[in-house]
Amino acid sequence: MSAATTRSRTPDRLCAEAVDLARAAAEEAAAPGVVGEHEGMVSEGDRVVTHFFGCRELGYRGWRWAVTVARASRAKIVTVDEVVLLPGPDAVLAPEWVPWSERLRPGDMGPGDLLPTEADDLRLEPGYTGAEEPPPNSALTEDLTDLADVEDAEVTGGSPAEQTVTPSRGSIAALAEELGMRRARVLSRYGLHAAADRWEEAFGAKTPMAQAAPASCMSCGFLAPIGGSLGQAFGVCANEFSPADGRVVSLAYGCGGHSEAAVMPKPPQPAPPVIDETRVDPFPLRPSPDSGSVPATEDASSAELGHS
C-alpha cells in the first residue's frame, strides 16, 4: 500500500474536528430543524473530509446531509466545499426509470393515443412489392423452369382455363375437405349480417377509438385478413398493445397502435444556463437620491406646497 493511499484514508484532524462548521453549512442549505444528529464522517482524500448529518424532513427517511470540508496545504482554516442531500443505506428511493416502451401493457391505449412502431419491428415485414413475381410471358419461375428441364416435362403456356384437358384434382369431396367446406350447415345471410352488425358496433368506424385514430385498419400491417364475404369489410387485429387484439375489427376501425403511426417527437431540451462568474452586478437596497424626478433637497417653493 502506498503512502498516498494511507494518507487519503486517514481523516485530517482539523477537517474531522470541523463538525460545527459542517452543521452550520447544512442548516444554511436546509430548512430550520431539518438537520439531525452527526452520523459520522469519511475521508475523501488529503485534507478532505465529508461529515454526515441525519435528515428529519418528511419524505426523506434514511437520507443524510453530506457536508464536505477541506483545507489547503499548510493552512489552519477549514472551508466548506460542498453541501448535498444523499441517500443513506436505508433510504427510501424511487424505483428505477423504465422506458415507456417497456412499461406499456395491453389495454393501456386510449382514444387519441399513438403507439409508434420501430423500423425493425419483428412483428412486421415488407408487404407485396411484385419484385419476386415471374415475368408476364413466363409460364414458370426460373427455378421451376430448371426443374422442368431436368424432369423432361412439357410446359404449356396459358392458364388452366385455356387448356383443352382439365387437370385432374380428385373428387369433389376431397376438394371440399381441402378448402374446409365439408360442413353440414354454414352461416345464412341473416347470420352474416347479424355478426357484421355486432362487430361494427364493437370495433367500427363510429367508436371513439376509431375517431381519434391516425389511420384505419385497412392500411395497418397488424391486420390479419379473413376469408369469405366478411373478409371484404372485416379482419382480425394482431397487435398485442391494441384494445382490439385478437378481435374481429372493421376495416374502417383504427387505433393509436397503427403500424405506420408517426414517431413521437422528442420534447425540446432547454439550453444550459450561462453563468458569468467573472463579474458582479450591484443591486442597491435603497434607490439613489438623484434617481427620482423630485429632487431630494427642498427649496422655498416646494416647502410652501408641502413637497418633501
C-alpha atoms as a PDB file:
ATOM      1  CA  MET A   1       0.000   0.000   0.000  1.00  0.00           C
ATOM      2  CA  SER A   2       1.407   3.366  -1.000  1.00  0.00           C
ATOM      3  CA  ALA A   3       1.902   6.288   1.339  1.00  0.00           C
ATOM      4  CA  ALA A   4      -0.598   8.409  -0.621  1.00  0.00           C
ATOM      5  CA  THR A   5      -3.313   5.786  -0.135  1.00  0.00           C
ATOM      6  CA  THR A   6      -2.597   5.634   3.592  1.00  0.00           C
ATOM      7  CA  ARG A   7      -2.833   9.423   3.927  1.00  0.00           C
ATOM      8  CA  SER A   8      -6.114   9.573   1.976  1.00  0.00           C
ATOM      9  CA  ARG A   9      -7.799   7.016   4.269  1.00  0.00           C
ATOM     10  CA  THR A  10      -6.723   8.786   7.449  1.00  0.00           C
ATOM     11  CA  PRO A  11      -9.043  11.763   8.157  1.00  0.00           C
ATOM     12  CA  ASP A  12      -7.369  15.101   8.536  1.00  0.00           C
ATOM     13  CA  ARG A  13      -7.514  16.192  12.177  1.00  0.00           C
ATOM     14  CA  LEU A  14      -8.640  19.772  11.592  1.00  0.00           C
ATOM     15  CA  CYS A  15     -11.247  18.725   8.996  1.00  0.00           C
ATOM     16  CA  ALA A  16     -12.511  15.952  11.258  1.00  0.00           C
ATOM     17  CA  GLU A  17     -12.966  18.404  14.144  1.00  0.00           C
ATOM     18  CA  ALA A  18     -14.942  20.878  11.981  1.00  0.00           C
ATOM     19  CA  VAL A  19     -18.318  19.345  12.909  1.00  0.00           C
ATOM     20  CA  ASP A  20     -19.866  22.674  13.949  1.00  0.00           C
ATOM     21  CA  LEU A  21     -18.770  24.291  10.680  1.00  0.00           C
ATOM     22  CA  ALA A  22     -20.305  21.461   8.692  1.00  0.00           C
ATOM     23  CA  ARG A  23     -23.571  21.609  10.666  1.00  0.00           C
ATOM     24  CA  ALA A  24     -23.847  25.357  10.130  1.00  0.00           C
ATOM     25  CA  ALA A  25     -23.390  24.870   6.393  1.00  0.00           C
ATOM     26  CA  ALA A  26     -26.058  22.126   6.316  1.00  0.00           C
ATOM     27  CA  GLU A  27     -28.542  24.251   8.292  1.00  0.00           C
ATOM     28  CA  GLU A  28     -27.942  27.139   5.916  1.00  0.00           C
ATOM     29  CA  ALA A  29     -28.784  24.943   2.907  1.00  0.00           C
ATOM     30  CA  ALA A  30     -31.766  23.204   4.569  1.00  0.00           C
ATOM     31  CA  ALA A  31     -34.784  24.490   6.435  1.00  0.00           C
ATOM     32  CA  PRO A  32     -34.560  25.114  10.191  1.00  0.00           C
ATOM     33  CA  GLY A  33     -34.893  21.925  12.231  1.00  0.00           C
ATOM     34  CA  VAL A  34     -34.270  19.604   9.286  1.00  0.00           C
ATOM     35  CA  VAL A  35     -30.626  18.740  10.037  1.00  0.00           C
ATOM     36  CA  GLY A  36     -30.327  15.909  12.558  1.00  0.00           C
ATOM     37  CA  GLU A  37     -27.538  14.429  14.593  1.00  0.00           C
ATOM     38  CA  HIS A  38     -23.996  13.863  13.363  1.00  0.00           C
ATOM     39  CA  GLU A  39     -23.822  10.339  11.888  1.00  0.00           C
ATOM     40  CA  GLY A  40     -20.141  10.021  11.118  1.00  0.00           C
ATOM     41  CA  MET A  41     -17.581  11.097   8.598  1.00  0.00           C
ATOM     42  CA  VAL A  42     -15.418   9.685   5.832  1.00  0.00           C
ATOM     43  CA  SER A  43     -12.082  10.768   4.396  1.00  0.00           C
ATOM     44  CA  GLU A  44     -12.287  11.721   0.724  1.00  0.00           C
ATOM     45  CA  GLY A  45      -8.561  12.409   0.267  1.00  0.00           C
ATOM     46  CA  ASP A  46      -5.752  14.521   1.623  1.00  0.00           C
ATOM     47  CA  ARG A  47      -7.273  17.210   3.880  1.00  0.00           C
ATOM     48  CA  VAL A  48     -10.780  16.485   2.560  1.00  0.00           C
ATOM     49  CA  VAL A  49     -13.471  15.043   4.892  1.00  0.00           C
ATOM     50  CA  THR A  50     -17.215  14.569   4.435  1.00  0.00           C
ATOM     51  CA  HIS A  51     -19.471  14.829   7.506  1.00  0.00           C
ATOM     52  CA  PHE A  52     -22.912  13.182   7.539  1.00  0.00           C
ATOM     53  CA  PHE A  53     -25.965  14.510   9.388  1.00  0.00           C
ATOM     54  CA  GLY A  54     -29.376  12.928   9.672  1.00  0.00           C
ATOM     55  CA  CYS A  55     -32.311  14.375   7.693  1.00  0.00           C
ATOM     56  CA  ARG A  56     -35.577  14.998   9.570  1.00  0.00           C
ATOM     57  CA  GLU A  57     -37.553  16.253   6.590  1.00  0.00           C
ATOM     58  CA  LEU A  58     -40.732  14.305   5.824  1.00  0.00           C
ATOM     59  CA  GLY A  59     -40.476  12.042   2.810  1.00  0.00           C
ATOM     60  CA  TYR A  60     -36.680  11.644   3.102  1.00  0.00           C
ATOM     61  CA  ARG A  61     -36.405   8.808   5.590  1.00  0.00           C
ATOM     62  CA  GLY A  62     -32.893   7.380   5.612  1.00  0.00           C
ATOM     63  CA  TRP A  63     -31.359  10.325   3.722  1.00  0.00           C
ATOM     64  CA  ARG A  64     -28.353  12.246   5.048  1.00  0.00           C
ATOM     65  CA  TRP A  65     -26.921  15.714   4.654  1.00  0.00           C
ATOM     66  CA  ALA A  66     -23.345  15.344   3.383  1.00  0.00           C
ATOM     67  CA  VAL A  67     -21.066  18.310   4.003  1.00  0.00           C
ATOM     68  CA  THR A  68     -17.572  18.152   2.533  1.00  0.00           C
ATOM     69  CA  VAL A  69     -14.934  20.336   4.172  1.00  0.00           C
ATOM     70  CA  ALA A  70     -11.330  20.833   3.146  1.00  0.00           C
ATOM     71  CA  ARG A  71      -8.300  22.923   3.895  1.00  0.00           C
ATOM     72  CA  ALA A  72      -5.331  23.989   1.805  1.00  0.00           C
ATOM     73  CA  SER A  73      -1.864  22.642   2.365  1.00  0.00           C
ATOM     74  CA  ARG A  74      -0.191  24.202   5.459  1.00  0.00           C
ATOM     75  CA  ALA A  75      -3.370  26.166   6.177  1.00  0.00           C
ATOM     76  CA  LYS A  76      -5.121  26.242   9.546  1.00  0.00           C
ATOM     77  CA  ILE A  77      -8.539  27.347   8.274  1.00  0.00           C
ATOM     78  CA  VAL A  78     -11.079  24.733   7.184  1.00  0.00           C
ATOM     79  CA  THR A  79     -13.575  25.755   4.482  1.00  0.00           C
ATOM     80  CA  VAL A  80     -16.814  24.226   3.210  1.00  0.00           C
ATOM     81  CA  ASP A  81     -16.512  22.601  -0.173  1.00  0.00           C
ATOM     82  CA  GLU A  82     -19.999  21.156  -0.877  1.00  0.00           C
ATOM     83  CA  VAL A  83     -23.370  20.524   0.799  1.00  0.00           C
ATOM     84  CA  VAL A  84     -25.673  17.888  -0.704  1.00  0.00           C
ATOM     85  CA  LEU A  85     -28.523  15.617   0.377  1.00  0.00           C
ATOM     86  CA  LEU A  86     -27.646  11.969  -0.338  1.00  0.00           C
ATOM     87  CA  PRO A  87     -29.492   8.696   0.263  1.00  0.00           C
ATOM     88  CA  GLY A  88     -28.197   6.524   3.059  1.00  0.00           C
ATOM     89  CA  PRO A  89     -28.079   2.719   3.247  1.00  0.00           C
ATOM     90  CA  ASP A  90     -31.729   2.533   4.411  1.00  0.00           C
ATOM     91  CA  ALA A  91     -33.062   5.417   2.323  1.00  0.00           C
ATOM     92  CA  VAL A  92     -36.407   5.206   0.572  1.00  0.00           C
ATOM     93  CA  LEU A  93     -35.670   5.617  -3.146  1.00  0.00           C
ATOM     94  CA  ALA A  94     -37.885   5.823  -6.207  1.00  0.00           C
ATOM     95  CA  PRO A  95     -37.897   2.770  -8.486  1.00  0.00           C
ATOM     96  CA  GLU A  96     -35.537   2.744 -11.438  1.00  0.00           C
ATOM     97  CA  TRP A  97     -36.816   4.545 -14.505  1.00  0.00           C
ATOM     98  CA  VAL A  98     -38.205   2.252 -17.187  1.00  0.00           C
ATOM     99  CA  PRO A  99     -38.706   3.411 -20.814  1.00  0.00           C
ATOM    100  CA  TRP A 100     -42.311   3.869 -21.862  1.00  0.00           C
ATOM    101  CA  SER A 101     -41.978   1.112 -24.477  1.00  0.00           C
ATOM    102  CA  GLU A 102     -41.279  -1.381 -21.659  1.00  0.00           C
ATOM    103  CA  ARG A 103     -43.926  -0.007 -19.287  1.00  0.00           C
ATOM    104  CA  LEU A 104     -46.702  -0.257 -21.858  1.00  0.00           C
ATOM    105  CA  ARG A 105     -49.117  -3.133 -21.356  1.00  0.00           C
ATOM    106  CA  PRO A 106     -52.037  -4.406 -23.437  1.00  0.00           C
ATOM    107  CA  GLY A 107     -55.118  -2.324 -22.712  1.00  0.00           C
ATOM    108  CA  ASP A 108     -53.223   0.851 -21.769  1.00  0.00           C
ATOM    109  CA  MET A 109     -54.039   2.608 -25.042  1.00  0.00           C
ATOM    110  CA  GLY A 110     -56.957   5.030 -25.091  1.00  0.00           C
ATOM    111  CA  PRO A 111     -58.637   7.254 -27.675  1.00  0.00           C
ATOM    112  CA  GLY A 112     -56.161   9.679 -29.205  1.00  0.00           C
ATOM    113  CA  ASP A 113     -53.032   7.792 -28.091  1.00  0.00           C
ATOM    114  CA  LEU A 114     -50.378   6.956 -30.681  1.00  0.00           C
ATOM    115  CA  LEU A 115     -48.090   3.935 -30.486  1.00  0.00           C
ATOM    116  CA  PRO A 116     -45.201   4.370 -32.953  1.00  0.00           C
ATOM    117  CA  THR A 117     -43.558   1.227 -34.286  1.00  0.00           C
ATOM    118  CA  GLU A 118     -39.855   0.885 -34.935  1.00  0.00           C
ATOM    119  CA  ALA A 119     -38.496   0.301 -38.419  1.00  0.00           C
ATOM    120  CA  ASP A 120     -37.072  -3.096 -37.404  1.00  0.00           C
ATOM    121  CA  ASP A 121     -40.166  -4.304 -35.532  1.00  0.00           C
ATOM    122  CA  LEU A 122     -40.085  -8.108 -35.597  1.00  0.00           C
ATOM    123  CA  ARG A 123     -43.876  -8.274 -35.805  1.00  0.00           C
ATOM    124  CA  LEU A 124     -43.894  -6.615 -39.241  1.00  0.00           C
ATOM    125  CA  GLU A 125     -42.298  -7.372 -42.582  1.00  0.00           C
ATOM    126  CA  PRO A 126     -42.350  -5.689 -46.009  1.00  0.00           C
ATOM    127  CA  GLY A 127     -45.555  -6.129 -47.938  1.00  0.00           C
ATOM    128  CA  TYR A 128     -46.007  -7.319 -51.503  1.00  0.00           C
ATOM    129  CA  THR A 129     -43.824  -5.393 -53.939  1.00  0.00           C
ATOM    130  CA  GLY A 130     -44.013  -7.587 -57.041  1.00  0.00           C
ATOM    131  CA  ALA A 131     -40.220  -7.992 -57.171  1.00  0.00           C
ATOM    132  CA  GLU A 132     -40.462 -11.801 -56.973  1.00  0.00           C
ATOM    133  CA  GLU A 133     -43.278 -12.091 -59.473  1.00  0.00           C
ATOM    134  CA  PRO A 134     -42.292 -14.018 -62.654  1.00  0.00           C
ATOM    135  CA  PRO A 135     -42.391 -12.102 -65.951  1.00  0.00           C
ATOM    136  CA  PRO A 136     -45.818 -11.837 -67.630  1.00  0.00           C
ATOM    137  CA  ASN A 137     -44.797 -14.091 -70.539  1.00  0.00           C
ATOM    138  CA  SER A 138     -43.154 -16.736 -68.362  1.00  0.00           C
ATOM    139  CA  ALA A 139     -45.130 -19.890 -67.554  1.00  0.00           C
ATOM    140  CA  LEU A 140     -42.846 -20.807 -64.608  1.00  0.00           C
ATOM    141  CA  THR A 141     -40.278 -19.126 -62.469  1.00  0.00           C
ATOM    142  CA  GLU A 142     -36.581 -19.609 -63.201  1.00  0.00           C
ATOM    143  CA  ASP A 143     -36.167 -22.331 -60.559  1.00  0.00           C
ATOM    144  CA  LEU A 144     -39.175 -24.297 -61.748  1.00  0.00           C
ATOM    145  CA  THR A 145     -38.033 -23.935 -65.357  1.00  0.00           C
ATOM    146  CA  ASP A 146     -34.738 -25.606 -64.485  1.00  0.00           C
ATOM    147  CA  LEU A 147     -36.662 -28.340 -62.671  1.00  0.00           C
ATOM    148  CA  ALA A 148     -38.863 -28.906 -65.708  1.00  0.00           C
ATOM    149  CA  ASP A 149     -35.776 -29.290 -67.900  1.00  0.00           C
ATOM    150  CA  VAL A 150     -34.325 -31.878 -65.546  1.00  0.00           C
ATOM    151  CA  GLU A 151     -37.562 -33.864 -65.361  1.00  0.00           C
ATOM    152  CA  ASP A 152     -38.022 -33.608 -69.135  1.00  0.00           C
ATOM    153  CA  ALA A 153     -41.512 -32.163 -68.585  1.00  0.00           C
ATOM    154  CA  GLU A 154     -43.553 -30.222 -71.091  1.00  0.00           C
ATOM    155  CA  VAL A 155     -44.654 -26.745 -70.105  1.00  0.00           C
ATOM    156  CA  THR A 156     -47.811 -25.485 -71.743  1.00  0.00           C
ATOM    157  CA  GLY A 157     -48.441 -21.772 -71.813  1.00  0.00           C
ATOM    158  CA  GLY A 158     -51.661 -20.170 -70.755  1.00  0.00           C
ATOM    159  CA  SER A 159     -53.949 -20.579 -67.742  1.00  0.00           C
ATOM    160  CA  PRO A 160     -55.693 -23.868 -66.845  1.00  0.00           C
ATOM    161  CA  ALA A 161     -58.962 -22.470 -68.211  1.00  0.00           C
ATOM    162  CA  GLU A 162     -57.360 -22.210 -71.647  1.00  0.00           C
ATOM    163  CA  GLN A 163     -56.239 -25.849 -71.675  1.00  0.00           C
ATOM    164  CA  THR A 164     -58.127 -28.409 -73.753  1.00  0.00           C
ATOM    165  CA  VAL A 165     -57.947 -31.014 -70.975  1.00  0.00           C
ATOM    166  CA  THR A 166     -58.922 -30.089 -67.431  1.00  0.00           C
ATOM    167  CA  PRO A 167     -56.300 -31.254 -64.888  1.00  0.00           C
ATOM    168  CA  SER A 168     -57.451 -33.966 -62.538  1.00  0.00           C
ATOM    169  CA  ARG A 169     -57.815 -32.620 -58.992  1.00  0.00           C
ATOM    170  CA  GLY A 170     -59.565 -35.555 -57.293  1.00  0.00           C
ATOM    171  CA  SER A 171     -63.154 -35.945 -56.231  1.00  0.00           C
ATOM    172  CA  ILE A 172     -65.475 -33.149 -55.210  1.00  0.00           C
ATOM    173  CA  ALA A 173     -65.492 -34.406 -51.617  1.00  0.00           C
ATOM    174  CA  ALA A 174     -61.717 -34.330 -51.406  1.00  0.00           C
ATOM    175  CA  LEU A 175     -61.627 -30.816 -52.861  1.00  0.00           C
ATOM    176  CA  ALA A 176     -64.280 -29.625 -50.403  1.00  0.00           C
ATOM    177  CA  GLU A 177     -62.324 -31.063 -47.488  1.00  0.00           C
ATOM    178  CA  GLU A 178     -59.141 -29.359 -48.715  1.00  0.00           C
ATOM    179  CA  LEU A 179     -60.888 -25.974 -48.778  1.00  0.00           C
ATOM    180  CA  GLY A 180     -62.600 -26.516 -45.416  1.00  0.00           C
ATOM    181  CA  MET A 181     -66.095 -26.652 -46.875  1.00  0.00           C
ATOM    182  CA  ARG A 182     -67.247 -30.077 -45.636  1.00  0.00           C
ATOM    183  CA  ARG A 183     -69.734 -28.744 -43.077  1.00  0.00           C
ATOM    184  CA  ALA A 184     -73.307 -29.743 -42.663  1.00  0.00           C
ATOM    185  CA  ARG A 185     -74.517 -26.158 -42.303  1.00  0.00           C
ATOM    186  CA  VAL A 186     -72.999 -22.729 -42.865  1.00  0.00           C
ATOM    187  CA  LEU A 187     -73.972 -19.189 -41.946  1.00  0.00           C
ATOM    188  CA  SER A 188     -77.043 -17.833 -43.664  1.00  0.00           C
ATOM    189  CA  ARG A 189     -77.298 -14.303 -44.990  1.00  0.00           C
ATOM    190  CA  TYR A 190     -79.116 -13.284 -41.819  1.00  0.00           C
ATOM    191  CA  GLY A 191     -76.348 -14.781 -39.674  1.00  0.00           C
ATOM    192  CA  LEU A 192     -73.688 -12.929 -41.643  1.00  0.00           C
ATOM    193  CA  HIS A 193     -75.489  -9.582 -41.278  1.00  0.00           C
ATOM    194  CA  ALA A 194     -76.048 -10.134 -37.545  1.00  0.00           C
ATOM    195  CA  ALA A 195     -72.363 -10.881 -36.983  1.00  0.00           C
ATOM    196  CA  ALA A 196     -71.320  -7.891 -39.083  1.00  0.00           C
ATOM    197  CA  ASP A 197     -73.582  -5.582 -37.056  1.00  0.00           C
ATOM    198  CA  ARG A 198     -72.107  -6.801 -33.756  1.00  0.00           C
ATOM    199  CA  TRP A 199     -68.528  -6.402 -34.914  1.00  0.00           C
ATOM    200  CA  GLU A 200     -69.197  -2.996 -36.444  1.00  0.00           C
ATOM    201  CA  GLU A 201     -70.735  -1.762 -33.202  1.00  0.00           C
ATOM    202  CA  ALA A 202     -67.854  -3.005 -31.039  1.00  0.00           C
ATOM    203  CA  PHE A 203     -64.907  -2.194 -33.324  1.00  0.00           C
ATOM    204  CA  GLY A 204     -66.234   0.004 -36.096  1.00  0.00           C
ATOM    205  CA  ALA A 205     -65.672   3.426 -37.556  1.00  0.00           C
ATOM    206  CA  LYS A 206     -68.062   5.189 -35.130  1.00  0.00           C
ATOM    207  CA  THR A 207     -66.236   4.199 -31.931  1.00  0.00           C
ATOM    208  CA  PRO A 208     -64.252   6.876 -30.017  1.00  0.00           C
ATOM    209  CA  MET A 209     -61.022   4.983 -30.618  1.00  0.00           C
ATOM    210  CA  ALA A 210     -61.523   4.966 -34.386  1.00  0.00           C
ATOM    211  CA  GLN A 211     -62.490   8.648 -34.431  1.00  0.00           C
ATOM    212  CA  ALA A 212     -59.146   9.601 -32.836  1.00  0.00           C
ATOM    213  CA  ALA A 213     -57.001   7.123 -34.787  1.00  0.00           C
ATOM    214  CA  PRO A 214     -54.373   8.392 -37.260  1.00  0.00           C
ATOM    215  CA  ALA A 215     -55.454   5.884 -39.942  1.00  0.00           C
ATOM    216  CA  SER A 216     -57.798   2.958 -40.476  1.00  0.00           C
ATOM    217  CA  CYS A 217     -57.093  -0.752 -40.118  1.00  0.00           C
ATOM    218  CA  MET A 218     -57.211  -1.169 -43.886  1.00  0.00           C
ATOM    219  CA  SER A 219     -53.646   0.198 -44.134  1.00  0.00           C
ATOM    220  CA  CYS A 220     -52.311  -1.357 -40.898  1.00  0.00           C
ATOM    221  CA  GLY A 221     -49.697  -4.100 -41.052  1.00  0.00           C
ATOM    222  CA  PHE A 222     -51.127  -5.778 -37.946  1.00  0.00           C
ATOM    223  CA  LEU A 223     -54.415  -6.594 -39.693  1.00  0.00           C
ATOM    224  CA  ALA A 224     -54.808 -10.305 -40.452  1.00  0.00           C
ATOM    225  CA  PRO A 225     -57.306 -10.801 -43.303  1.00  0.00           C
ATOM    226  CA  ILE A 226     -60.145 -13.298 -43.056  1.00  0.00           C
ATOM    227  CA  GLY A 227     -61.746 -15.275 -45.824  1.00  0.00           C
ATOM    228  CA  GLY A 228     -65.294 -15.352 -47.123  1.00  0.00           C
ATOM    229  CA  SER A 229     -67.604 -12.476 -47.814  1.00  0.00           C
ATOM    230  CA  LEU A 230     -66.966 -10.943 -44.378  1.00  0.00           C
ATOM    231  CA  GLY A 231     -63.303 -10.515 -45.334  1.00  0.00           C
ATOM    232  CA  GLN A 232     -64.316  -7.638 -47.605  1.00  0.00           C
ATOM    233  CA  ALA A 233     -65.200  -5.490 -44.577  1.00  0.00           C
ATOM    234  CA  PHE A 234     -63.500  -7.122 -41.558  1.00  0.00           C
ATOM    235  CA  GLY A 235     -60.211  -8.563 -40.381  1.00  0.00           C
ATOM    236  CA  VAL A 236     -58.500  -9.719 -37.188  1.00  0.00           C
ATOM    237  CA  CYS A 237     -56.243  -7.394 -35.177  1.00  0.00           C
ATOM    238  CA  ALA A 238     -52.856  -8.928 -34.316  1.00  0.00           C
ATOM    239  CA  ASN A 239     -51.350  -6.045 -32.309  1.00  0.00           C
ATOM    240  CA  GLU A 240     -50.921  -7.086 -28.672  1.00  0.00           C
ATOM    241  CA  PHE A 241     -50.967  -3.454 -27.485  1.00  0.00           C
ATOM    242  CA  SER A 242     -54.203  -2.621 -29.266  1.00  0.00           C
ATOM    243  CA  PRO A 243     -57.502  -2.791 -27.350  1.00  0.00           C
ATOM    244  CA  ALA A 244     -58.800  -4.934 -30.225  1.00  0.00           C
ATOM    245  CA  ASP A 245     -56.050  -7.551 -30.106  1.00  0.00           C
ATOM    246  CA  GLY A 246     -57.446 -10.907 -31.268  1.00  0.00           C
ATOM    247  CA  ARG A 247     -60.817  -9.328 -32.128  1.00  0.00           C
ATOM    248  CA  VAL A 248     -62.574  -9.027 -35.438  1.00  0.00           C
ATOM    249  CA  VAL A 249     -62.404  -5.355 -36.438  1.00  0.00           C
ATOM    250  CA  SER A 250     -63.894  -3.357 -39.245  1.00  0.00           C
ATOM    251  CA  LEU A 251     -61.533  -2.199 -41.960  1.00  0.00           C
ATOM    252  CA  ALA A 252     -62.696   1.323 -41.121  1.00  0.00           C
ATOM    253  CA  TYR A 253     -61.718   0.900 -37.469  1.00  0.00           C
ATOM    254  CA  GLY A 254     -58.415   2.270 -36.169  1.00  0.00           C
ATOM    255  CA  CYS A 255     -56.375   2.908 -33.044  1.00  0.00           C
ATOM    256  CA  GLY A 256     -53.116   4.527 -31.983  1.00  0.00           C
ATOM    257  CA  GLY A 257     -51.247   1.252 -32.471  1.00  0.00           C
ATOM    258  CA  HIS A 258     -51.328   1.591 -36.249  1.00  0.00           C
ATOM    259  CA  SER A 259     -48.193   0.106 -37.801  1.00  0.00           C
ATOM    260  CA  GLU A 260     -47.438   3.335 -39.652  1.00  0.00           C
ATOM    261  CA  ALA A 261     -48.173   5.713 -36.766  1.00  0.00           C
ATOM    262  CA  ALA A 262     -45.956   8.777 -36.650  1.00  0.00           C
ATOM    263  CA  VAL A 263     -42.966   8.669 -34.319  1.00  0.00           C
ATOM    264  CA  MET A 264     -43.456  10.678 -31.160  1.00  0.00           C
ATOM    265  CA  PRO A 265     -41.438  13.921 -31.319  1.00  0.00           C
ATOM    266  CA  LYS A 266     -38.818  14.331 -28.615  1.00  0.00           C
ATOM    267  CA  PRO A 267     -39.510  17.130 -26.131  1.00  0.00           C
ATOM    268  CA  PRO A 268     -37.267  20.146 -26.709  1.00  0.00           C
ATOM    269  CA  GLN A 269     -34.319  20.360 -24.356  1.00  0.00           C
ATOM    270  CA  PRO A 270     -33.635  23.841 -22.935  1.00  0.00           C
ATOM    271  CA  ALA A 271     -30.200  25.284 -23.458  1.00  0.00           C
ATOM    272  CA  PRO A 272     -27.853  25.061 -20.479  1.00  0.00           C
ATOM    273  CA  PRO A 273     -27.804  28.228 -18.372  1.00  0.00           C
ATOM    274  CA  VAL A 274     -24.925  30.601 -18.906  1.00  0.00           C
ATOM    275  CA  ILE A 275     -23.456  31.859 -15.650  1.00  0.00           C
ATOM    276  CA  ASP A 276     -20.843  34.565 -15.761  1.00  0.00           C
ATOM    277  CA  GLU A 277     -18.776  34.147 -12.612  1.00  0.00           C
ATOM    278  CA  THR A 278     -16.209  36.826 -13.564  1.00  0.00           C
ATOM    279  CA  ARG A 279     -18.393  39.862 -12.873  1.00  0.00           C
ATOM    280  CA  VAL A 280     -20.672  41.133 -10.107  1.00  0.00           C
ATOM    281  CA  ASP A 281     -23.936  43.010 -10.686  1.00  0.00           C
ATOM    282  CA  PRO A 282     -24.619  45.505  -7.864  1.00  0.00           C
ATOM    283  CA  PHE A 283     -28.185  45.624  -6.505  1.00  0.00           C
ATOM    284  CA  PRO A 284     -28.587  48.611  -4.114  1.00  0.00           C
ATOM    285  CA  LEU A 285     -31.030  48.177  -1.251  1.00  0.00           C
ATOM    286  CA  ARG A 286     -32.146  51.831  -1.442  1.00  0.00           C
ATOM    287  CA  PRO A 287     -32.584  53.989  -4.544  1.00  0.00           C
ATOM    288  CA  SER A 288     -30.062  56.671  -5.267  1.00  0.00           C
ATOM    289  CA  PRO A 289     -31.057  60.181  -4.040  1.00  0.00           C
ATOM    290  CA  ASP A 290     -30.759  61.608  -7.525  1.00  0.00           C
ATOM    291  CA  SER A 291     -32.618  58.792  -9.273  1.00  0.00           C
ATOM    292  CA  GLY A 292     -36.167  60.197  -8.864  1.00  0.00           C
ATOM    293  CA  SER A 293     -37.988  63.021 -10.587  1.00  0.00           C
ATOM    294  CA  VAL A 294     -38.302  65.083  -7.394  1.00  0.00           C
ATOM    295  CA  PRO A 295     -35.022  66.459  -6.020  1.00  0.00           C
ATOM    296  CA  ALA A 296     -34.003  65.297  -2.556  1.00  0.00           C
ATOM    297  CA  THR A 297     -33.165  68.838  -1.367  1.00  0.00           C
ATOM    298  CA  GLU A 298     -36.006  71.172  -0.576  1.00  0.00           C
ATOM    299  CA  ASP A 299     -36.301  74.719  -1.870  1.00  0.00           C
ATOM    300  CA  ALA A 300     -38.565  77.515  -0.752  1.00  0.00           C
ATOM    301  CA  SER A 301     -41.247  76.881  -3.375  1.00  0.00           C
ATOM    302  CA  SER A 302     -41.505  73.179  -2.676  1.00  0.00           C
ATOM    303  CA  ALA A 303     -41.662  73.728   1.082  1.00  0.00           C
ATOM    304  CA  GLU A 304     -44.701  76.011   0.724  1.00  0.00           C
ATOM    305  CA  LEU A 305     -46.508  73.394  -1.375  1.00  0.00           C
ATOM    306  CA  GLY A 306     -45.826  70.701   1.149  1.00  0.00           C
ATOM    307  CA  HIS A 307     -43.409  68.704  -1.002  1.00  0.00           C
ATOM    308  CA  SER A 308     -40.956  66.577   0.928  1.00  0.00           C
END
